[in-house]
């Protein structure tokens, strides 16, 4: 089995507590998701993530096609990282690591996504370029939002 990967790093002008407080609150996912994705959280959410938390969404990740997406927070090591994994949704496999590390000038935030799109070889050949393009667009938006929030 072959997995695709996507990695994005950014240094935020903040401290580890403020960074964790923002990213560990699942309600903030709406803040850093582009509006055109029509992202709606269907689950009542706590103020902070925990292992086993299930979050249900409606989202339009590609071509304005509305989809259900269910993720689970599978690992939490406060305030250094957490992992979310898709349980149901548009990907055949989705594993997203959020890593926070103190560095000179703030917090280095690293997103590492491993994913596999559906439809076998056809999905890999025809869909992967579209998925990578969309992931870059989403994370470009998030990068800008993070700069705006953590000035």
Foldseek 3Di string as FASTA:
>chain_A
DDKDKDKDKDFFQDALVVVQQQVQQVVNVVVLFDVLQVKDWPDDGDSGADFFDKTWIWTRLPPNDTKIWIKTFHDDDPRAKTWIWTPDIQFPTWIWIWGWDDDVRGIMTMIMIITHGDDPPCCVVPPPVRNVVSVVVSVVSNNVSSHVVRD
